[in-house]
Amino acid sequence: MKRVLIATSRAGGGHASVARALALALDRLYGNEVQVAVADPFDSGHPSLVGRLTELYAPIIRRWPALWGAFYGLTDRPRLLKALMSMAYRLSARRAEELVEYSKPDIVASVHPLCHHVLAPILRGHPQGIPLAVVLTDLVCVHAAWFASPADLYLAPTTEAEEALRRAGIPSTRIRRVGLPIDPRFGRMERPEDLRRSLGLDPERFTLLLTGGGEGAGGLESAARAIGRSRLPLQLLVVCGRNGRLERRLRNLSFPVPTRIWGFVTNMPELVGAADVVVTKAGSVSLAEALAAGRPIIIIRAIPGQETGNPRLIERLGAGRAVRGAEELVAELDRLYTDAAYREGMAARARAAGQPDAAYAAAKALVHSLPRLSAAPLPIAEKEARNA
């Protein structure tokens, strides 16, 4: 049996989703051959400077996204990153050392751009020489944090990310393009009408899903108001994530269309599958999920920094459109509602670009890098994984 430690952080809901998808894929493919642990190397159970800084991410992208963009640009420099991460290592080394000692991993997979900087020095100095893999979760814009500390393997979600790693000097032999690990259920949907019925919705009514990722960012309230005023015969599903304040505000509004509002949910595959169109900020995981489900995408906002290039990617794929303001949003919704050929073409291109089995590809890439372990998935587990 081999042990895989997946390192993530509470900063950004997408990273946790990727960690869960990767852990699920490893379990389904390899069963008892691989033991998986998911942990945050910054979470010591006690208040810490690094932990508090990572917790600032959510309120900043909700309230001051331009500030986040400025910070992103300022720190997108390998030399500066190395200095900052050296300080972060000194503050978090004890927790990281305890985590490695307790989990005894044969490989560590980091799905957050900060985690591997703290773990890399420990793994390099370990007597067993534990390999480190970096699982990139950004589709186009690859920050220096992903590669400022060396790793043994880089798993890239897109051609754009793969090329960015090469430009940064990462050898091609260390890069594998596998897609972005997401829950494979996004590629195995029931009929939208059946999913709507199971959710207590009108099965025949045109349905929109509005989401801002795990943190509920991206101007959801103004988008929800515009959709409500559009007078289109639709039903609206809103996922506010961990943004409890937004959820409370929306619940106090009166919408002229049937509307369901949730906070953080664990059934996103069903909600995406029930929708005819996904309206979202340009978060990588939300986009990858919508693509895998074959749903047309309307992007209402991109957080400056890691999401800047994502709208261009979606438009280049022909899987959706980025809009500016309420007027463009309503106009695009009207076209998607009234023009079935336009909507179905966009859905087909989304489905063609989606990679619902990326988590399995990433899991296999990790296991292939481990010595003395069969790289072949368990036959029964792989069959179950395909049918899951």
Protein backbone atom coordinates (compact mmCIF):
# COMPACT_ATOMS: atom_id res chain seq x y z
CA MET A 1 0.00 0.00 0.00
CA LYS A 2 1.14 3.53 -0.84
CA ARG A 3 0.11 6.77 0.86
CA VAL A 4 -0.83 9.97 -0.96
CA LEU A 5 -1.05 13.27 0.90
CA ILE A 6 -3.14 15.92 -0.87
CA ALA A 7 -2.26 19.39 0.42
CA THR A 8 -4.85 22.15 0.09
CA SER A 9 -5.96 25.34 1.82
CA ARG A 10 -9.20 26.93 3.01
CA ALA A 11 -8.46 29.94 0.78
CA GLY A 12 -10.70 29.47 -2.28
CA GLY A 13 -13.40 26.82 -2.46
CA GLY A 14 -12.17 25.47 -5.79
CA HIS A 15 -8.99 24.03 -4.32
CA ALA A 16 -10.97 21.96 -1.83
CA SER A 17 -13.20 20.69 -4.65
CA VAL A 18 -10.16 19.60 -6.66
CA ALA A 19 -8.70 17.85 -3.61
CA ARG A 20 -11.95 15.95 -3.03
CA ALA A 21 -12.21 14.93 -6.68
CA LEU A 22 -8.63 13.69 -6.74
CA ALA A 23 -9.07 11.74 -3.51
CA LEU A 24 -12.27 10.16 -4.85
CA ALA A 25 -10.57 9.15 -8.09
CA LEU A 26 -7.63 7.56 -6.27
CA ASP A 27 -9.99 5.59 -4.07
CA ARG A 28 -12.17 4.40 -6.96
CA LEU A 29 -9.24 3.42 -9.16
CA TYR A 30 -6.89 1.83 -6.66
CA GLY A 31 -8.96 0.87 -3.63
CA ASN A 32 -6.86 -0.37 -0.73
CA GLU A 33 -3.65 -0.11 -2.76
CA VAL A 34 -3.59 3.63 -2.08
CA GLN A 35 -4.40 5.42 1.18
CA VAL A 36 -5.31 9.09 0.74
CA ALA A 37 -5.16 11.94 3.26
CA VAL A 38 -6.28 15.51 2.58
CA ALA A 39 -4.86 18.22 4.85
CA ASP A 40 -4.06 21.92 5.13
CA PRO A 41 -0.39 22.44 6.08
CA PHE A 42 -1.24 25.92 7.38
CA ASP A 43 -4.00 24.73 9.73
CA SER A 44 -2.41 24.01 13.09
CA GLY A 45 -5.66 24.19 15.04
CA HIS A 46 -4.47 27.44 16.60
CA PRO A 47 -4.48 31.01 15.24
CA SER A 48 -1.41 31.71 13.11
CA LEU A 49 -0.25 34.56 10.91
CA VAL A 50 -0.22 32.47 7.71
CA GLY A 51 -3.60 30.94 8.51
CA ARG A 52 -5.15 34.34 9.10
CA LEU A 53 -3.67 35.69 5.87
CA THR A 54 -5.18 32.83 3.82
CA GLU A 55 -8.55 33.50 5.45
CA LEU A 56 -8.46 37.06 4.07
CA TYR A 57 -8.78 35.78 0.51
CA ALA A 58 -12.58 35.35 0.58
CA PRO A 59 -13.52 38.81 1.94
CA ILE A 60 -11.01 40.51 -0.35
CA ILE A 61 -12.30 38.96 -3.59
CA ARG A 62 -15.90 39.66 -2.51
CA ARG A 63 -15.47 43.30 -1.51
CA TRP A 64 -12.22 44.56 -3.03
CA PRO A 65 -11.36 42.40 -6.06
CA ALA A 66 -9.15 45.17 -7.51
CA LEU A 67 -7.01 44.98 -4.37
CA TRP A 68 -6.59 41.25 -4.91
CA GLY A 69 -5.61 41.90 -8.53
CA ALA A 70 -2.94 44.37 -7.43
CA PHE A 71 -1.56 41.90 -4.88
CA TYR A 72 -1.61 39.11 -7.48
CA GLY A 73 0.38 41.22 -9.94
CA LEU A 74 2.83 42.46 -7.33
CA THR A 75 3.69 38.93 -6.16
CA ASP A 76 3.84 37.33 -9.61
CA ARG A 77 7.63 37.32 -9.48
CA PRO A 78 9.62 34.16 -8.70
CA ARG A 79 12.36 35.88 -6.67
CA LEU A 80 9.89 37.78 -4.53
CA LEU A 81 7.81 34.63 -4.11
CA LYS A 82 10.81 32.67 -2.90
CA ALA A 83 11.50 35.30 -0.24
CA LEU A 84 7.87 35.41 0.90
CA MET A 85 7.55 31.64 0.93
CA SER A 86 10.77 31.32 2.89
CA MET A 87 9.13 33.42 5.58
CA ALA A 88 5.93 31.37 5.35
CA TYR A 89 8.01 28.21 5.76
CA ARG A 90 9.59 29.49 8.95
CA LEU A 91 6.14 30.30 10.34
CA SER A 92 4.54 26.99 9.30
CA ALA A 93 7.40 24.48 9.25
CA ARG A 94 6.49 22.79 12.52
CA ARG A 95 2.92 22.06 11.42
CA ALA A 96 4.12 20.85 8.01
CA GLU A 97 6.78 18.61 9.54
CA GLU A 98 4.23 17.09 11.90
CA LEU A 99 1.85 16.53 8.98
CA VAL A 100 4.49 14.68 6.95
CA GLU A 101 5.60 12.66 9.95
CA TYR A 102 2.03 11.68 10.82
CA SER A 103 0.80 10.86 7.30
CA LYS A 104 4.04 9.21 6.12
CA PRO A 105 3.28 9.91 2.45
CA ASP A 106 4.94 8.22 -0.50
CA ILE A 107 4.01 11.27 -2.59
CA VAL A 108 2.54 14.71 -1.84
CA ALA A 109 0.16 16.39 -4.30
CA SER A 110 -0.36 20.13 -3.74
CA VAL A 111 -3.55 21.60 -5.21
CA HIS A 112 -2.97 25.11 -3.85
CA PRO A 113 -0.22 27.50 -5.04
CA LEU A 114 1.07 28.10 -1.51
CA CYS A 115 1.09 24.65 0.07
CA HIS A 116 4.01 23.11 -1.77
CA HIS A 117 6.38 25.94 -0.82
CA VAL A 118 6.05 24.96 2.83
CA LEU A 119 6.29 21.24 2.13
CA ALA A 120 9.06 21.23 -0.50
CA PRO A 121 12.02 21.80 1.88
CA ILE A 122 10.75 19.08 4.20
CA LEU A 123 10.26 16.58 1.40
CA ARG A 124 13.65 17.32 -0.16
CA GLY A 125 15.37 16.73 3.17
CA HIS A 126 13.41 13.58 4.01
CA PRO A 127 15.57 10.43 4.13
CA GLN A 128 13.10 8.61 1.85
CA GLY A 129 13.12 11.38 -0.77
CA ILE A 130 9.36 11.94 -0.99
CA PRO A 131 8.31 13.23 -4.44
CA LEU A 132 6.21 16.37 -4.77
CA ALA A 133 3.52 16.91 -7.41
CA VAL A 134 1.83 20.25 -8.12
CA VAL A 135 -1.74 20.08 -9.45
CA LEU A 136 -2.45 23.43 -11.09
CA THR A 137 -6.01 24.71 -10.69
CA ASP A 138 -5.72 27.80 -12.93
CA LEU A 139 -6.69 27.37 -16.57
CA VAL A 140 -4.83 30.20 -18.31
CA CYS A 141 -3.04 32.65 -15.98
CA VAL A 142 -0.34 30.74 -14.11
CA HIS A 143 1.06 32.72 -11.18
CA ALA A 144 4.73 32.34 -10.22
CA ALA A 145 3.59 30.72 -6.97
CA TRP A 146 2.86 27.54 -8.90
CA PHE A 147 6.49 27.05 -9.96
CA ALA A 148 8.73 29.25 -7.76
CA SER A 149 9.60 26.20 -5.64
CA PRO A 150 10.71 23.13 -7.64
CA ALA A 151 8.53 20.03 -7.84
CA ASP A 152 8.98 16.59 -9.38
CA LEU A 153 5.73 16.60 -11.36
CA TYR A 154 3.34 19.28 -12.62
CA LEU A 155 -0.21 18.36 -13.65
CA ALA A 156 -1.59 21.04 -15.96
CA PRO A 157 -5.31 21.52 -16.70
CA THR A 158 -5.00 23.08 -20.17
CA THR A 159 -2.64 23.63 -23.07
CA GLU A 160 -2.36 27.26 -21.97
CA ALA A 161 -1.22 26.26 -18.48
CA GLU A 162 1.20 23.69 -19.90
CA GLU A 163 2.77 26.31 -22.15
CA ALA A 164 3.05 28.76 -19.24
CA LEU A 165 5.01 26.17 -17.26
CA ARG A 166 7.35 25.59 -20.18
CA ARG A 167 7.95 29.35 -20.54
CA ALA A 168 8.85 29.39 -16.84
CA GLY A 169 11.60 26.86 -17.53
CA ILE A 170 9.90 23.70 -16.25
CA PRO A 171 11.20 20.70 -18.27
CA SER A 172 8.57 19.05 -20.47
CA THR A 173 9.44 15.70 -18.89
CA ARG A 174 7.97 16.95 -15.60
CA ILE A 175 4.68 18.20 -17.08
CA ARG A 176 1.53 16.19 -17.76
CA ARG A 177 -1.62 17.78 -19.19
CA VAL A 178 -4.52 15.94 -17.54
CA GLY A 179 -7.35 18.49 -17.27
CA LEU A 180 -8.70 20.00 -14.07
CA PRO A 181 -9.80 17.35 -11.54
CA ILE A 182 -13.53 17.71 -10.89
CA ASP A 183 -16.27 15.40 -9.65
CA PRO A 184 -16.80 12.92 -12.54
CA ARG A 185 -20.57 13.10 -12.01
CA PHE A 186 -20.57 16.34 -14.03
CA GLY A 187 -20.06 14.23 -17.14
CA ARG A 188 -22.72 11.65 -16.33
CA MET A 189 -25.93 13.61 -16.00
CA GLU A 190 -29.51 12.48 -15.91
CA ARG A 191 -31.94 14.35 -18.13
CA PRO A 192 -32.37 17.97 -16.96
CA GLU A 193 -36.11 17.44 -16.65
CA ASP A 194 -35.59 14.51 -14.30
CA LEU A 195 -33.11 16.42 -12.17
CA ARG A 196 -35.43 19.41 -11.95
CA ARG A 197 -38.27 17.15 -10.89
CA SER A 198 -36.10 15.55 -8.17
CA LEU A 199 -35.26 19.05 -6.86
CA GLY A 200 -38.92 20.03 -6.67
CA LEU A 201 -38.67 22.39 -9.65
CA ASP A 202 -40.86 22.80 -12.70
CA PRO A 203 -39.37 20.16 -15.03
CA GLU A 204 -40.36 22.00 -18.22
CA ARG A 205 -39.36 25.56 -17.29
CA PHE A 206 -36.19 27.18 -18.65
CA THR A 207 -33.69 27.06 -15.75
CA LEU A 208 -30.69 29.21 -14.86
CA LEU A 209 -28.02 28.41 -12.30
CA LEU A 210 -26.29 31.48 -10.85
CA THR A 211 -23.14 30.80 -8.84
CA GLY A 212 -20.02 32.58 -7.62
CA GLY A 213 -17.97 29.57 -6.57
CA GLY A 214 -17.42 28.40 -3.04
CA GLU A 215 -16.94 31.96 -1.75
CA GLY A 216 -20.07 33.41 -3.40
CA ALA A 217 -18.12 36.19 -5.13
CA GLY A 218 -18.57 37.91 -8.48
CA GLY A 219 -21.51 40.27 -8.28
CA LEU A 220 -24.24 37.68 -7.76
CA GLU A 221 -26.75 40.06 -6.20
CA SER A 222 -26.81 42.50 -9.12
CA ALA A 223 -26.99 39.59 -11.57
CA ALA A 224 -29.89 38.02 -9.66
CA ARG A 225 -31.77 41.32 -9.66
CA ALA A 226 -31.24 41.76 -13.41
CA ILE A 227 -32.43 38.22 -14.14
CA GLY A 228 -35.51 38.80 -12.00
CA ARG A 229 -36.32 42.00 -13.90
CA SER A 230 -35.82 40.37 -17.30
CA ARG A 231 -39.41 39.03 -17.37
CA LEU A 232 -38.17 35.90 -19.15
CA PRO A 233 -40.28 32.81 -18.32
CA LEU A 234 -37.56 31.06 -16.35
CA GLN A 235 -36.73 29.71 -12.92
CA LEU A 236 -33.60 30.81 -11.11
CA LEU A 237 -31.29 28.75 -8.89
CA VAL A 238 -28.74 30.73 -6.85
CA VAL A 239 -25.81 29.19 -4.96
CA CYS A 240 -24.21 31.69 -2.55
CA GLY A 241 -21.48 29.40 -1.25
CA ARG A 242 -19.99 30.49 2.06
CA ASN A 243 -21.23 34.05 1.57
CA GLY A 244 -23.85 34.01 4.30
CA ARG A 245 -24.45 37.75 4.09
CA LEU A 246 -25.35 37.47 0.40
CA GLU A 247 -27.63 34.53 1.08
CA ARG A 248 -29.54 36.49 3.72
CA ARG A 249 -29.90 39.54 1.45
CA LEU A 250 -31.22 37.49 -1.45
CA ARG A 251 -33.69 35.65 0.77
CA ASN A 252 -35.12 39.03 1.82
CA LEU A 253 -35.74 40.05 -1.80
CA SER A 254 -38.93 39.40 -3.72
CA PHE A 255 -38.20 37.89 -7.14
CA PRO A 256 -40.79 38.03 -9.95
CA VAL A 257 -39.62 34.61 -11.20
CA PRO A 258 -39.56 31.31 -9.28
CA THR A 259 -36.28 31.37 -7.35
CA ARG A 260 -34.44 28.93 -5.10
CA ILE A 261 -31.51 30.12 -2.99
CA TRP A 262 -28.86 28.01 -1.27
CA GLY A 263 -25.70 28.69 0.71
CA PHE A 264 -22.86 26.18 0.47
CA VAL A 265 -24.02 22.99 -1.24
CA THR A 266 -22.67 19.50 -1.81
CA ASN A 267 -24.88 18.64 -4.78
CA MET A 268 -23.46 20.93 -7.46
CA PRO A 269 -23.54 18.15 -10.11
CA GLU A 270 -27.32 17.90 -9.71
CA LEU A 271 -27.78 21.69 -9.76
CA VAL A 272 -25.60 22.16 -12.84
CA GLY A 273 -27.35 19.26 -14.52
CA ALA A 274 -30.77 20.73 -13.79
CA ALA A 275 -29.83 24.03 -15.45
CA ASP A 276 -30.13 24.98 -19.11
CA VAL A 277 -27.52 27.74 -18.68
CA VAL A 278 -24.86 28.41 -16.04
CA VAL A 279 -24.28 32.07 -15.10
CA THR A 280 -21.08 32.42 -13.11
CA LYS A 281 -17.93 34.32 -12.32
CA ALA A 282 -14.88 33.03 -14.19
CA GLY A 283 -13.61 30.62 -11.54
CA SER A 284 -11.67 27.73 -13.07
CA VAL A 285 -13.52 24.95 -11.25
CA SER A 286 -17.00 26.38 -11.96
CA LEU A 287 -16.12 26.68 -15.65
CA ALA A 288 -14.65 23.17 -15.82
CA GLU A 289 -17.80 21.76 -14.20
CA ALA A 290 -20.12 23.54 -16.63
CA LEU A 291 -18.03 22.41 -19.60
CA ALA A 292 -18.06 18.79 -18.44
CA ALA A 293 -21.84 18.95 -18.06
CA GLY A 294 -22.24 20.49 -21.51
CA ARG A 295 -23.96 23.65 -20.29
CA PRO A 296 -23.73 27.04 -22.04
CA ILE A 297 -21.86 29.54 -19.87
CA ILE A 298 -22.40 33.23 -19.25
CA ILE A 299 -19.51 34.85 -17.39
CA ILE A 300 -20.56 37.90 -15.41
CA ARG A 301 -17.24 38.75 -13.80
CA ALA A 302 -13.61 37.64 -13.64
CA ILE A 303 -11.64 38.15 -10.43
CA PRO A 304 -8.48 40.07 -11.43
CA GLY A 305 -5.47 37.79 -11.41
CA GLN A 306 -5.97 34.06 -11.83
CA GLU A 307 -9.32 34.41 -13.62
CA THR A 308 -8.35 37.14 -16.09
CA GLY A 309 -7.71 34.82 -19.04
CA ASN A 310 -10.62 32.45 -18.45
CA PRO A 311 -13.35 34.42 -20.26
CA ARG A 312 -11.24 34.52 -23.43
CA LEU A 313 -10.74 30.77 -23.20
CA ILE A 314 -14.46 30.07 -22.90
CA GLU A 315 -15.28 32.37 -25.80
CA ARG A 316 -12.53 30.83 -27.93
CA LEU A 317 -14.01 27.40 -27.27
CA GLY A 318 -17.42 28.70 -28.31
CA ALA A 319 -18.87 27.38 -25.05
CA GLY A 320 -20.11 30.67 -23.64
CA ARG A 321 -19.91 34.44 -23.54
CA ALA A 322 -18.58 37.03 -21.15
CA VAL A 323 -20.96 39.93 -20.56
CA ARG A 324 -20.59 43.39 -19.07
CA GLY A 325 -23.45 44.65 -16.98
CA ALA A 326 -27.12 43.83 -16.64
CA GLU A 327 -28.14 44.85 -20.14
CA GLU A 328 -25.71 42.47 -21.86
CA LEU A 329 -26.59 39.70 -19.41
CA VAL A 330 -30.32 39.93 -20.14
CA ALA A 331 -29.72 40.17 -23.90
CA GLU A 332 -27.60 37.01 -23.88
CA LEU A 333 -30.17 35.18 -21.75
CA ASP A 334 -32.91 36.22 -24.14
CA ARG A 335 -30.97 34.85 -27.10
CA LEU A 336 -30.21 31.57 -25.34
CA TYR A 337 -33.89 31.21 -24.44
CA THR A 338 -35.36 32.07 -27.83
CA ASP A 339 -32.74 30.57 -30.16
CA ALA A 340 -32.60 26.82 -29.55
CA ALA A 341 -29.98 26.24 -32.25
CA TYR A 342 -27.69 28.85 -30.70
CA ARG A 343 -28.13 27.31 -27.25
CA GLU A 344 -27.66 23.72 -28.42
CA GLY A 345 -24.55 24.61 -30.44
CA MET A 346 -22.98 26.27 -27.43
CA ALA A 347 -23.88 23.27 -25.25
CA ALA A 348 -22.32 20.85 -27.75
CA ARG A 349 -19.09 22.83 -27.89
CA ALA A 350 -18.98 22.97 -24.09
CA ARG A 351 -19.42 19.21 -23.90
CA ALA A 352 -16.69 18.65 -26.50
CA ALA A 353 -14.27 20.80 -24.50
CA GLY A 354 -15.17 19.32 -21.11
CA GLN A 355 -12.99 16.77 -19.34
CA PRO A 356 -15.19 15.03 -16.77
CA ASP A 357 -12.62 12.26 -16.21
CA ALA A 358 -9.70 14.60 -15.48
CA ALA A 359 -9.56 13.46 -11.85
CA TYR A 360 -8.93 9.88 -13.01
CA ALA A 361 -6.20 11.07 -15.40
CA ALA A 362 -4.56 13.03 -12.58
CA ALA A 363 -4.80 10.06 -10.20
CA LYS A 364 -3.14 7.77 -12.75
CA ALA A 365 -0.37 10.32 -13.36
CA LEU A 366 0.37 10.44 -9.63
CA VAL A 367 0.44 6.67 -9.27
CA HIS A 368 2.64 6.26 -12.37
CA SER A 369 5.23 8.41 -10.61
CA LEU A 370 5.36 6.07 -7.61
CA PRO A 371 7.93 3.26 -7.70
CA ARG A 372 7.09 -0.29 -6.70
CA LEU A 373 3.36 0.10 -7.26
CA SER A 374 1.42 -1.26 -10.18
CA ALA A 375 0.32 1.63 -12.38
CA ALA A 376 -2.67 -0.33 -13.63
CA PRO A 377 -5.97 0.54 -11.91
CA LEU A 378 -7.91 -2.26 -10.29
CA PRO A 379 -10.15 -3.72 -13.03
CA ILE A 380 -13.33 -3.64 -10.95
CA ALA A 381 -12.60 -0.18 -9.51
CA GLU A 382 -11.94 1.27 -12.96
CA LYS A 383 -15.17 -0.17 -14.30
CA GLU A 384 -17.09 1.26 -11.34
CA ALA A 385 -15.38 4.62 -11.82
CA ARG A 386 -16.48 4.81 -15.45
CA ASN A 387 -20.06 4.01 -14.46
CA ALA A 388 -20.17 6.29 -11.39
